Amino acid sequence: MAFKIIISNEAKVDLESSFLYYQEKASKKVADNFIKDFRKSIKIISDNPYFKIWFEEFRAKPLAKYPFLIFFSVDKKENIILIARIFHTSQSPEKYP
């Protein structure tokens, strides 16, 4: 059974700023492919959210082609996944959610 996905406001800001960065520094195509990679990862998380626990209740799923981790928590009772942050892997681990 697939889980319902909720994306936090912080994660939306992370996603938008990363998209805009790729659009400015690379190309529209690279930015669009970043979003496609993100959506594929969200689908995978929705189907099976039991990835490695990184910190307390937060799990993380790496994007396939881009250096990002999607941090999320799972509410098994409500069948909800909360996407907390989308984190570029070159940032300091101390900034992890």
PDB file of N, CA and C in Angstrom:
ATOM      1  N   MET A   1       0.833  -1.184   0.000  1.00  0.00           N
ATOM      2  CA  MET A   1       0.000   0.000   0.000  1.00  0.00           C
ATOM      3  C   MET A   1       0.878   1.248   0.000  1.00  0.00           C
ATOM      4  N   ALA A   2       0.623   2.141  -0.934  1.00  0.00           N
ATOM      5  CA  ALA A   2       1.411   3.364  -1.041  1.00  0.00           C
ATOM      6  C   ALA A   2       1.034   4.346   0.065  1.00  0.00           C
ATOM      7  N   PHE A   3       2.031   5.068   0.509  1.00  0.00           N
ATOM      8  CA  PHE A   3       1.841   6.068   1.542  1.00  0.00           C
ATOM      9  C   PHE A   3       1.486   7.411   0.905  1.00  0.00           C
ATOM     10  N   LYS A   4       0.780   8.239   1.662  1.00  0.00           N
ATOM     11  CA  LYS A   4       0.503   9.603   1.233  1.00  0.00           C
ATOM     12  C   LYS A   4       1.742  10.447   1.534  1.00  0.00           C
ATOM     13  N   ILE A   5       2.125  11.287   0.583  1.00  0.00           N
ATOM     14  CA  ILE A   5       3.320  12.122   0.726  1.00  0.00           C
ATOM     15  C   ILE A   5       2.902  13.546   1.072  1.00  0.00           C
ATOM     16  N   ILE A   6       3.527  14.092   2.109  1.00  0.00           N
ATOM     17  CA  ILE A   6       3.361  15.497   2.458  1.00  0.00           C
ATOM     18  C   ILE A   6       4.750  16.131   2.413  1.00  0.00           C
ATOM     19  N   ILE A   7       4.860  17.236   1.699  1.00  0.00           N
ATOM     20  CA  ILE A   7       6.151  17.927   1.577  1.00  0.00           C
ATOM     21  C   ILE A   7       6.110  19.179   2.439  1.00  0.00           C
ATOM     22  N   SER A   8       7.046  19.278   3.370  1.00  0.00           N
ATOM     23  CA  SER A   8       7.101  20.440   4.268  1.00  0.00           C
ATOM     24  C   SER A   8       7.447  21.704   3.487  1.00  0.00           C
ATOM     25  N   ASN A   9       7.134  22.842   4.084  1.00  0.00           N
ATOM     26  CA  ASN A   9       7.474  24.123   3.454  1.00  0.00           C
ATOM     27  C   ASN A   9       8.980  24.259   3.269  1.00  0.00           C
ATOM     28  N   GLU A  10       9.758  23.781   4.247  1.00  0.00           N
ATOM     29  CA  GLU A  10      11.212  23.842   4.138  1.00  0.00           C
ATOM     30  C   GLU A  10      11.710  23.032   2.946  1.00  0.00           C
ATOM     31  N   ALA A  11      11.130  21.851   2.759  1.00  0.00           N
ATOM     32  CA  ALA A  11      11.523  21.005   1.633  1.00  0.00           C
ATOM     33  C   ALA A  11      11.136  21.650   0.307  1.00  0.00           C
ATOM     34  N   LYS A  12       9.991  22.315   0.273  1.00  0.00           N
ATOM     35  CA  LYS A  12       9.576  23.011  -0.951  1.00  0.00           C
ATOM     36  C   LYS A  12      10.576  24.120  -1.297  1.00  0.00           C
ATOM     37  N   VAL A  13      11.037  24.841  -0.278  1.00  0.00           N
ATOM     38  CA  VAL A  13      12.038  25.889  -0.500  1.00  0.00           C
ATOM     39  C   VAL A  13      13.345  25.270  -0.996  1.00  0.00           C
ATOM     40  N   ASP A  14      13.756  24.154  -0.370  1.00  0.00           N
ATOM     41  CA  ASP A  14      14.973  23.450  -0.813  1.00  0.00           C
ATOM     42  C   ASP A  14      14.863  23.052  -2.280  1.00  0.00           C
ATOM     43  N   LEU A  15      13.719  22.483  -2.641  1.00  0.00           N
ATOM     44  CA  LEU A  15      13.510  22.010  -4.009  1.00  0.00           C
ATOM     45  C   LEU A  15      13.529  23.170  -4.997  1.00  0.00           C
ATOM     46  N   GLU A  16      12.837  24.236  -4.663  1.00  0.00           N
ATOM     47  CA  GLU A  16      12.779  25.389  -5.563  1.00  0.00           C
ATOM     48  C   GLU A  16      14.145  26.047  -5.732  1.00  0.00           C
ATOM     49  N   SER A  17      14.871  26.217  -4.637  1.00  0.00           N
ATOM     50  CA  SER A  17      16.180  26.864  -4.755  1.00  0.00           C
ATOM     51  C   SER A  17      17.155  25.987  -5.545  1.00  0.00           C
ATOM     52  N   SER A  18      17.077  24.688  -5.385  1.00  0.00           N
ATOM     53  CA  SER A  18      17.946  23.786  -6.157  1.00  0.00           C
ATOM     54  C   SER A  18      17.576  23.811  -7.631  1.00  0.00           C
ATOM     55  N   PHE A  19      16.271  23.812  -7.920  1.00  0.00           N
ATOM     56  CA  PHE A  19      15.808  23.902  -9.302  1.00  0.00           C
ATOM     57  C   PHE A  19      16.320  25.185  -9.948  1.00  0.00           C
ATOM     58  N   LEU A  20      16.154  26.312  -9.246  1.00  0.00           N
ATOM     59  CA  LEU A  20      16.600  27.591  -9.795  1.00  0.00           C
ATOM     60  C   LEU A  20      18.115  27.637  -9.973  1.00  0.00           C
ATOM     61  N   TYR A  21      18.842  27.036  -9.050  1.00  0.00           N
ATOM     62  CA  TYR A  21      20.297  26.971  -9.179  1.00  0.00           C
ATOM     63  C   TYR A  21      20.678  26.238 -10.469  1.00  0.00           C
ATOM     64  N   TYR A  22      20.098  25.047 -10.686  1.00  0.00           N
ATOM     65  CA  TYR A  22      20.423  24.284 -11.901  1.00  0.00           C
ATOM     66  C   TYR A  22      19.988  25.035 -13.157  1.00  0.00           C
ATOM     67  N   GLN A  23      18.863  25.724 -13.079  1.00  0.00           N
ATOM     68  CA  GLN A  23      18.386  26.472 -14.237  1.00  0.00           C
ATOM     69  C   GLN A  23      19.348  27.611 -14.585  1.00  0.00           C
ATOM     70  N   GLU A  24      19.865  28.305 -13.553  1.00  0.00           N
ATOM     71  CA  GLU A  24      20.792  29.412 -13.783  1.00  0.00           C
ATOM     72  C   GLU A  24      22.188  28.939 -14.179  1.00  0.00           C
ATOM     73  N   LYS A  25      22.717  27.969 -13.450  1.00  0.00           N
ATOM     74  CA  LYS A  25      24.115  27.570 -13.605  1.00  0.00           C
ATOM     75  C   LYS A  25      24.334  26.517 -14.687  1.00  0.00           C
ATOM     76  N   ALA A  26      23.303  25.736 -14.996  1.00  0.00           N
ATOM     77  CA  ALA A  26      23.463  24.690 -16.008  1.00  0.00           C
ATOM     78  C   ALA A  26      22.524  24.986 -17.182  1.00  0.00           C
ATOM     79  N   SER A  27      21.308  24.470 -17.116  1.00  0.00           N
ATOM     80  CA  SER A  27      20.326  24.710 -18.181  1.00  0.00           C
ATOM     81  C   SER A  27      18.936  24.324 -17.693  1.00  0.00           C
ATOM     82  N   LYS A  28      17.948  24.715 -18.451  1.00  0.00           N
ATOM     83  CA  LYS A  28      16.554  24.354 -18.140  1.00  0.00           C
ATOM     84  C   LYS A  28      16.396  22.837 -18.172  1.00  0.00           C
ATOM     85  N   LYS A  29      17.054  22.180 -19.115  1.00  0.00           N
ATOM     86  CA  LYS A  29      16.963  20.728 -19.228  1.00  0.00           C
ATOM     87  C   LYS A  29      17.522  20.046 -17.976  1.00  0.00           C
ATOM     88  N   VAL A  30      18.657  20.498 -17.486  1.00  0.00           N
ATOM     89  CA  VAL A  30      19.254  19.926 -16.274  1.00  0.00           C
ATOM     90  C   VAL A  30      18.319  20.144 -15.093  1.00  0.00           C
ATOM     91  N   ALA A  31      17.735  21.340 -14.991  1.00  0.00           N
ATOM     92  CA  ALA A  31      16.800  21.637 -13.900  1.00  0.00           C
ATOM     93  C   ALA A  31      15.563  20.741 -13.994  1.00  0.00           C
ATOM     94  N   ASP A  32      15.033  20.556 -15.203  1.00  0.00           N
ATOM     95  CA  ASP A  32      13.869  19.681 -15.390  1.00  0.00           C
ATOM     96  C   ASP A  32      14.210  18.232 -15.032  1.00  0.00           C
ATOM     97  N   ASN A  33      15.406  17.792 -15.405  1.00  0.00           N
ATOM     98  CA  ASN A  33      15.827  16.427 -15.067  1.00  0.00           C
ATOM     99  C   ASN A  33      15.996  16.251 -13.556  1.00  0.00           C
ATOM    100  N   PHE A  34      16.414  17.300 -12.869  1.00  0.00           N
ATOM    101  CA  PHE A  34      16.496  17.269 -11.411  1.00  0.00           C
ATOM    102  C   PHE A  34      15.104  17.012 -10.810  1.00  0.00           C
ATOM    103  N   ILE A  35      14.098  17.717 -11.318  1.00  0.00           N
ATOM    104  CA  ILE A  35      12.727  17.525 -10.833  1.00  0.00           C
ATOM    105  C   ILE A  35      12.229  16.116 -11.158  1.00  0.00           C
ATOM    106  N   LYS A  36      12.542  15.617 -12.336  1.00  0.00           N
ATOM    107  CA  LYS A  36      12.143  14.243 -12.695  1.00  0.00           C
ATOM    108  C   LYS A  36      12.780  13.227 -11.756  1.00  0.00           C
ATOM    109  N   ASP A  37      14.061  13.418 -11.439  1.00  0.00           N
ATOM    110  CA  ASP A  37      14.767  12.527 -10.517  1.00  0.00           C
ATOM    111  C   ASP A  37      14.118  12.590  -9.129  1.00  0.00           C
ATOM    112  N   PHE A  38      13.770  13.795  -8.697  1.00  0.00           N
ATOM    113  CA  PHE A  38      13.097  13.970  -7.411  1.00  0.00           C
ATOM    114  C   PHE A  38      11.762  13.225  -7.402  1.00  0.00           C
ATOM    115  N   ARG A  39      10.971  13.385  -8.441  1.00  0.00           N
ATOM    116  CA  ARG A  39       9.652  12.718  -8.510  1.00  0.00           C
ATOM    117  C   ARG A  39       9.782  11.196  -8.510  1.00  0.00           C
ATOM    118  N   LYS A  40      10.771  10.676  -9.234  1.00  0.00           N
ATOM    119  CA  LYS A  40      10.994   9.223  -9.227  1.00  0.00           C
ATOM    120  C   LYS A  40      11.349   8.747  -7.823  1.00  0.00           C
ATOM    121  N   SER A  41      12.173   9.509  -7.131  1.00  0.00           N
ATOM    122  CA  SER A  41      12.562   9.142  -5.766  1.00  0.00           C
ATOM    123  C   SER A  41      11.368   9.191  -4.825  1.00  0.00           C
ATOM    124  N   ILE A  42      10.503  10.176  -4.990  1.00  0.00           N
ATOM    125  CA  ILE A  42       9.291  10.275  -4.164  1.00  0.00           C
ATOM    126  C   ILE A  42       8.391   9.064  -4.405  1.00  0.00           C
ATOM    127  N   LYS A  43       8.277   8.633  -5.640  1.00  0.00           N
ATOM    128  CA  LYS A  43       7.475   7.444  -5.964  1.00  0.00           C
ATOM    129  C   LYS A  43       8.049   6.211  -5.273  1.00  0.00           C
ATOM    130  N   ILE A  44       9.353   6.069  -5.319  1.00  0.00           N
ATOM    131  CA  ILE A  44      10.019   4.934  -4.660  1.00  0.00           C
ATOM    132  C   ILE A  44       9.781   4.981  -3.159  1.00  0.00           C
ATOM    133  N   ILE A  45       9.917   6.163  -2.567  1.00  0.00           N
ATOM    134  CA  ILE A  45       9.680   6.319  -1.128  1.00  0.00           C
ATOM    135  C   ILE A  45       8.236   5.976  -0.789  1.00  0.00           C
ATOM    136  N   SER A  46       7.303   6.424  -1.605  1.00  0.00           N
ATOM    137  CA  SER A  46       5.884   6.168  -1.367  1.00  0.00           C
ATOM    138  C   SER A  46       5.573   4.669  -1.385  1.00  0.00           C
ATOM    139  N   ASP A  47       6.207   3.947  -2.286  1.00  0.00           N
ATOM    140  CA  ASP A  47       5.970   2.502  -2.397  1.00  0.00           C
ATOM    141  C   ASP A  47       6.648   1.715  -1.286  1.00  0.00           C
ATOM    142  N   ASN A  48       7.834   2.159  -0.873  1.00  0.00           N
ATOM    143  CA  ASN A  48       8.586   1.453   0.167  1.00  0.00           C
ATOM    144  C   ASN A  48       9.470   2.452   0.914  1.00  0.00           C
ATOM    145  N   PRO A  49       8.979   2.988   2.035  1.00  0.00           N
ATOM    146  CA  PRO A  49       9.700   4.059   2.722  1.00  0.00           C
ATOM    147  C   PRO A  49      10.768   3.606   3.717  1.00  0.00           C
ATOM    148  N   TYR A  50      11.058   2.325   3.770  1.00  0.00           N
ATOM    149  CA  TYR A  50      11.925   1.835   4.841  1.00  0.00           C
ATOM    150  C   TYR A  50      13.399   1.873   4.466  1.00  0.00           C
ATOM    151  N   PHE A  51      13.888   3.093   4.261  1.00  0.00           N
ATOM    152  CA  PHE A  51      15.297   3.324   3.996  1.00  0.00           C
ATOM    153  C   PHE A  51      16.028   3.503   5.323  1.00  0.00           C
ATOM    154  N   LYS A  52      17.337   3.590   5.251  1.00  0.00           N
ATOM    155  CA  LYS A  52      18.181   3.729   6.436  1.00  0.00           C
ATOM    156  C   LYS A  52      17.753   4.918   7.292  1.00  0.00           C
ATOM    157  N   ILE A  53      17.707   4.700   8.607  1.00  0.00           N
ATOM    158  CA  ILE A  53      17.449   5.787   9.538  1.00  0.00           C
ATOM    159  C   ILE A  53      18.764   6.534   9.745  1.00  0.00           C
ATOM    160  N   TRP A  54      18.737   7.852   9.498  1.00  0.00           N
ATOM    161  CA  TRP A  54      19.941   8.665   9.603  1.00  0.00           C
ATOM    162  C   TRP A  54      20.041   9.355  10.948  1.00  0.00           C
ATOM    163  N   PHE A  55      18.892   9.829  11.450  1.00  0.00           N
ATOM    164  CA  PHE A  55      18.910  10.588  12.694  1.00  0.00           C
ATOM    165  C   PHE A  55      17.525  10.514  13.312  1.00  0.00           C
ATOM    166  N   GLU A  56      17.476  10.076  14.565  1.00  0.00           N
ATOM    167  CA  GLU A  56      16.215   9.922  15.283  1.00  0.00           C
ATOM    168  C   GLU A  56      15.202   9.214  14.390  1.00  0.00           C
ATOM    169  N   GLU A  57      14.092   9.894  14.026  1.00  0.00           N
ATOM    170  CA  GLU A  57      13.088   9.217  13.203  1.00  0.00           C
ATOM    171  C   GLU A  57      13.237   9.509  11.716  1.00  0.00           C
ATOM    172  N   PHE A  58      14.288  10.233  11.321  1.00  0.00           N
ATOM    173  CA  PHE A  58      14.448  10.616   9.927  1.00  0.00           C
ATOM    174  C   PHE A  58      15.190   9.557   9.117  1.00  0.00           C
ATOM    175  N   ARG A  59      14.599   9.241   7.989  1.00  0.00           N
ATOM    176  CA  ARG A  59      15.217   8.342   7.009  1.00  0.00           C
ATOM    177  C   ARG A  59      15.683   9.199   5.836  1.00  0.00           C
ATOM    178  N   ALA A  60      16.516   8.628   4.979  1.00  0.00           N
ATOM    179  CA  ALA A  60      16.992   9.391   3.827  1.00  0.00           C
ATOM    180  C   ALA A  60      17.069   8.499   2.597  1.00  0.00           C
ATOM    181  N   LYS A  61      16.693   9.088   1.471  1.00  0.00           N
ATOM    182  CA  LYS A  61      16.780   8.422   0.168  1.00  0.00           C
ATOM    183  C   LYS A  61      17.595   9.317  -0.749  1.00  0.00           C
ATOM    184  N   PRO A  62      18.710   8.813  -1.297  1.00  0.00           N
ATOM    185  CA  PRO A  62      19.476   9.629  -2.252  1.00  0.00           C
ATOM    186  C   PRO A  62      18.782   9.684  -3.610  1.00  0.00           C
ATOM    187  N   LEU A  63      18.913  10.815  -4.283  1.00  0.00           N
ATOM    188  CA  LEU A  63      18.444  10.894  -5.652  1.00  0.00           C
ATOM    189  C   LEU A  63      19.381  10.060  -6.518  1.00  0.00           C
ATOM    190  N   ALA A  64      18.883   9.573  -7.624  1.00  0.00           N
ATOM    191  CA  ALA A  64      19.671   8.674  -8.471  1.00  0.00           C
ATOM    192  C   ALA A  64      20.819   9.392  -9.185  1.00  0.00           C
ATOM    193  N   LYS A  65      20.543  10.586  -9.719  1.00  0.00           N
ATOM    194  CA  LYS A  65      21.535  11.242 -10.575  1.00  0.00           C
ATOM    195  C   LYS A  65      22.082  12.549 -10.028  1.00  0.00           C
ATOM    196  N   TYR A  66      21.525  13.027  -8.944  1.00  0.00           N
ATOM    197  CA  TYR A  66      21.935  14.320  -8.394  1.00  0.00           C
ATOM    198  C   TYR A  66      22.391  14.132  -6.948  1.00  0.00           C
ATOM    199  N   PRO A  67      23.314  14.989  -6.481  1.00  0.00           N
ATOM    200  CA  PRO A  67      23.900  14.792  -5.141  1.00  0.00           C
ATOM    201  C   PRO A  67      23.007  15.337  -4.017  1.00  0.00           C
ATOM    202  N   PHE A  68      21.830  14.742  -3.868  1.00  0.00           N
ATOM    203  CA  PHE A  68      20.884  15.181  -2.854  1.00  0.00           C
ATOM    204  C   PHE A  68      20.348  13.983  -2.081  1.00  0.00           C
ATOM    205  N   LEU A  69      19.989  14.251  -0.828  1.00  0.00           N
ATOM    206  CA  LEU A  69      19.290  13.289   0.012  1.00  0.00           C
ATOM    207  C   LEU A  69      17.914  13.859   0.337  1.00  0.00           C
ATOM    208  N   ILE A  70      16.903  13.030   0.264  1.00  0.00           N
ATOM    209  CA  ILE A  70      15.563  13.418   0.693  1.00  0.00           C
ATOM    210  C   ILE A  70      15.385  12.873   2.102  1.00  0.00           C
ATOM    211  N   PHE A  71      15.250  13.768   3.074  1.00  0.00           N
ATOM    212  CA  PHE A  71      15.028  13.358   4.456  1.00  0.00           C
ATOM    213  C   PHE A  71      13.535  13.335   4.735  1.00  0.00           C
ATOM    214  N   PHE A  72      13.078  12.241   5.343  1.00  0.00           N
ATOM    215  CA  PHE A  72      11.649  12.087   5.588  1.00  0.00           C
ATOM    216  C   PHE A  72      11.405  11.252   6.835  1.00  0.00           C
ATOM    217  N   SER A  73      10.183  11.383   7.347  1.00  0.00           N
ATOM    218  CA  SER A  73       9.750  10.544   8.460  1.00  0.00           C
ATOM    219  C   SER A  73       8.490   9.802   8.028  1.00  0.00           C
ATOM    220  N   VAL A  74       8.249   8.667   8.683  1.00  0.00           N
ATOM    221  CA  VAL A  74       7.133   7.792   8.321  1.00  0.00           C
ATOM    222  C   VAL A  74       6.177   7.682   9.500  1.00  0.00           C
ATOM    223  N   ASP A  75       4.893   7.942   9.236  1.00  0.00           N
ATOM    224  CA  ASP A  75       3.838   7.710  10.222  1.00  0.00           C
ATOM    225  C   ASP A  75       3.080   6.469   9.751  1.00  0.00           C
ATOM    226  N   LYS A  76       3.421   5.331  10.344  1.00  0.00           N
ATOM    227  CA  LYS A  76       2.841   4.054   9.912  1.00  0.00           C
ATOM    228  C   LYS A  76       1.344   3.974  10.189  1.00  0.00           C
ATOM    229  N   LYS A  77       0.915   4.577  11.296  1.00  0.00           N
ATOM    230  CA  LYS A  77      -0.503   4.505  11.671  1.00  0.00           C
ATOM    231  C   LYS A  77      -1.387   5.247  10.675  1.00  0.00           C
ATOM    232  N   GLU A  78      -0.911   6.398  10.224  1.00  0.00           N
ATOM    233  CA  GLU A  78      -1.698   7.230   9.303  1.00  0.00           C
ATOM    234  C   GLU A  78      -1.325   7.013   7.834  1.00  0.00           C
ATOM    235  N   ASN A  79      -0.330   6.178   7.572  1.00  0.00           N
ATOM    236  CA  ASN A  79       0.171   5.946   6.210  1.00  0.00           C
ATOM    237  C   ASN A  79       0.602   7.254   5.536  1.00  0.00           C
ATOM    238  N   ILE A  80       1.356   8.055   6.295  1.00  0.00           N
ATOM    239  CA  ILE A  80       1.820   9.347   5.796  1.00  0.00           C
ATOM    240  C   ILE A  80       3.342   9.399   5.864  1.00  0.00           C
ATOM    241  N   ILE A  81       3.912   9.965   4.825  1.00  0.00           N
ATOM    242  CA  ILE A  81       5.352  10.250   4.794  1.00  0.00           C
ATOM    243  C   ILE A  81       5.501  11.761   4.720  1.00  0.00           C
ATOM    244  N   LEU A  82       6.265  12.309   5.651  1.00  0.00           N
ATOM    245  CA  LEU A  82       6.541  13.741   5.659  1.00  0.00           C
ATOM    246  C   LEU A  82       7.949  13.967   5.121  1.00  0.00           C
ATOM    247  N   ILE A  83       8.031  14.635   3.979  1.00  0.00           N
ATOM    248  CA  ILE A  83       9.324  15.011   3.422  1.00  0.00           C
ATOM    249  C   ILE A  83       9.764  16.256   4.190  1.00  0.00           C
ATOM    250  N   ALA A  84      10.824  16.121   4.981  1.00  0.00           N
ATOM    251  CA  ALA A  84      11.262  17.217   5.848  1.00  0.00           C
ATOM    252  C   ALA A  84      12.184  18.181   5.122  1.00  0.00           C
ATOM    253  N   ARG A  85      13.194  17.657   4.432  1.00  0.00           N
ATOM    254  CA  ARG A  85      14.177  18.500   3.747  1.00  0.00           C
ATOM    255  C   ARG A  85      14.720  17.759   2.534  1.00  0.00           C
ATOM    256  N   ILE A  86      15.280  18.540   1.603  1.00  0.00           N
ATOM    257  CA  ILE A  86      15.999  18.009   0.452  1.00  0.00           C
ATOM    258  C   ILE A  86      17.389  18.620   0.561  1.00  0.00           C
ATOM    259  N   PHE A  87      18.354  17.772   0.867  1.00  0.00           N
ATOM    260  CA  PHE A  87      19.648  18.237   1.336  1.00  0.00           C
ATOM    261  C   PHE A  87      20.749  17.917   0.337  1.00  0.00           C
ATOM    262  N   HIS A  88      21.501  18.945  -0.077  1.00  0.00           N
ATOM    263  CA  HIS A  88      22.640  18.733  -0.978  1.00  0.00           C
ATOM    264  C   HIS A  88      23.758  18.072  -0.173  1.00  0.00           C
ATOM    265  N   THR A  89      24.322  17.007  -0.696  1.00  0.00           N
ATOM    266  CA  THR A  89      25.273  16.198   0.063  1.00  0.00           C
ATOM    267  C   THR A  89      26.627  16.862   0.288  1.00  0.00           C
ATOM    268  N   SER A  90      26.909  17.965  -0.389  1.00  0.00           N
ATOM    269  CA  SER A  90      28.184  18.636  -0.136  1.00  0.00           C
ATOM    270  C   SER A  90      28.099  19.578   1.069  1.00  0.00           C
ATOM    271  N   GLN A  91      26.901  19.776   1.603  1.00  0.00           N
ATOM    272  CA  GLN A  91      26.757  20.608   2.788  1.00  0.00           C
ATOM    273  C   GLN A  91      27.243  19.863   4.022  1.00  0.00           C
ATOM    274  N   SER A  92      27.530  20.609   5.039  1.00  0.00           N
ATOM    275  CA  SER A  92      28.008  20.027   6.291  1.00  0.00           C
ATOM    276  C   SER A  92      26.946  19.116   6.902  1.00  0.00           C
ATOM    277  N   PRO A  93      27.321  17.909   7.349  1.00  0.00           N
ATOM    278  CA  PRO A  93      26.356  17.014   7.983  1.00  0.00           C
ATOM    279  C   PRO A  93      25.716  17.607   9.235  1.00  0.00           C
ATOM    280  N   GLU A  94      26.346  18.626   9.817  1.00  0.00           N
ATOM    281  CA  GLU A  94      25.765  19.271  10.984  1.00  0.00           C
ATOM    282  C   GLU A  94      24.478  20.016  10.636  1.00  0.00           C
ATOM    283  N   LYS A  95      24.260  20.252   9.338  1.00  0.00           N
ATOM    284  CA  LYS A  95      23.032  20.922   8.899  1.00  0.00           C
ATOM    285  C   LYS A  95      21.900  19.942   8.639  1.00  0.00           C
ATOM    286  N   TYR A  96      22.173  18.634   8.768  1.00  0.00           N
ATOM    287  CA  TYR A  96      21.101  17.658   8.549  1.00  0.00           C
ATOM    288  C   TYR A  96      19.932  17.973   9.468  1.00  0.00           C
ATOM    289  N   PRO A  97      18.718  17.710   9.005  1.00  0.00           N
ATOM    290  CA  PRO A  97      17.551  18.016   9.843  1.00  0.00           C
ATOM    291  C   PRO A  97      17.543  17.204  11.123  1.00  0.00           C
TER     292      PRO A  97
END
